[in-house]
Protein backbone atom coordinates (compact mmCIF):
# COMPACT_ATOMS: atom_id res chain seq x y z
CA MET A 1 -49.54 104.87 29.02
CA ALA A 2 -48.57 101.21 28.89
CA ASP A 3 -49.20 101.14 25.16
CA VAL A 4 -46.92 104.12 24.44
CA PRO A 5 -43.41 103.16 23.42
CA GLU A 6 -40.88 104.04 26.09
CA ASP A 7 -38.95 106.47 23.85
CA LEU A 8 -42.16 108.51 23.25
CA LYS A 9 -43.59 108.64 26.81
CA SER A 10 -42.00 111.95 27.62
CA ARG A 11 -43.72 113.50 24.62
CA VAL A 12 -47.23 112.17 25.25
CA PHE A 13 -49.61 114.26 27.34
CA LEU A 14 -53.01 113.16 28.50
CA LEU A 15 -55.37 116.11 29.04
CA GLY A 16 -59.07 116.25 29.43
CA VAL A 17 -62.10 117.58 31.26
CA ARG A 18 -63.00 116.21 34.68
CA SER A 19 -66.41 115.01 33.46
CA GLU A 20 -67.72 115.58 29.91
CA PRO A 21 -66.69 118.28 27.40
CA GLU A 22 -70.27 119.53 27.30
CA ALA A 23 -69.94 120.47 31.01
CA LEU A 24 -67.39 123.15 29.94
CA LYS A 25 -69.99 124.69 27.68
CA GLN A 26 -72.59 124.58 30.43
CA ALA A 27 -70.09 126.25 32.77
CA GLY A 28 -70.18 129.28 30.49
CA LEU A 29 -66.79 128.87 28.76
CA GLY A 30 -68.35 129.04 25.29
CA LYS A 31 -68.39 126.58 22.36
CA LEU A 32 -65.81 123.84 22.37
CA GLU A 33 -63.86 125.56 19.59
CA ASP A 34 -63.73 128.74 21.64
CA ILE A 35 -62.57 126.78 24.70
CA GLY A 36 -59.78 125.19 22.60
CA ARG A 37 -58.67 128.68 21.57
CA LEU A 38 -58.64 129.86 25.16
CA LEU A 39 -56.57 126.83 26.22
CA ALA A 40 -54.14 127.39 23.42
CA LYS A 41 -53.89 131.05 24.42
CA ASP A 42 -53.07 130.03 27.97
CA CYS A 43 -50.28 127.80 26.63
CA ARG A 44 -48.87 130.54 24.40
CA GLU A 45 -48.95 133.15 27.12
CA GLY A 46 -47.86 130.88 29.98
CA THR A 47 -51.06 131.48 31.90
CA ARG A 48 -53.61 129.14 33.47
CA ASN A 49 -56.75 131.32 33.17
CA THR A 50 -58.82 128.68 31.45
CA TRP A 51 -56.74 125.65 32.53
CA GLY A 52 -57.41 126.69 36.14
CA HIS A 53 -61.13 126.16 35.78
CA ALA A 54 -62.50 123.56 38.24
CA LEU A 55 -63.28 121.18 35.36
CA LEU A 56 -59.74 121.40 33.96
CA GLN A 57 -57.42 122.07 36.88
CA HIS A 58 -56.76 118.35 37.42
CA ASN A 59 -54.53 118.62 34.29
CA ALA A 60 -51.96 120.69 36.20
CA ARG A 61 -49.44 117.88 36.55
CA GLU A 62 -49.44 117.22 32.76
CA LEU A 63 -49.30 120.95 32.03
CA ASN A 64 -46.30 121.31 34.33
CA ARG A 65 -44.51 118.74 32.18
CA LEU A 66 -45.07 120.98 29.17
CA ASP A 67 -43.04 123.80 30.77
């Protein structure tokens, strides 16, 4: 975040998978495109069904900033 200008820091969110994106597919969440749709659906509906997955739940702090 050091490279992000101060006036933009509140609008920058760092989200990712705990290991590698391929691990999400191996965990049975589907293709990466499908996972993206599920994550977007969670955001639209205010749920954490997919974001709560063990490989993604470490993003909770950043997601809380979105609210």
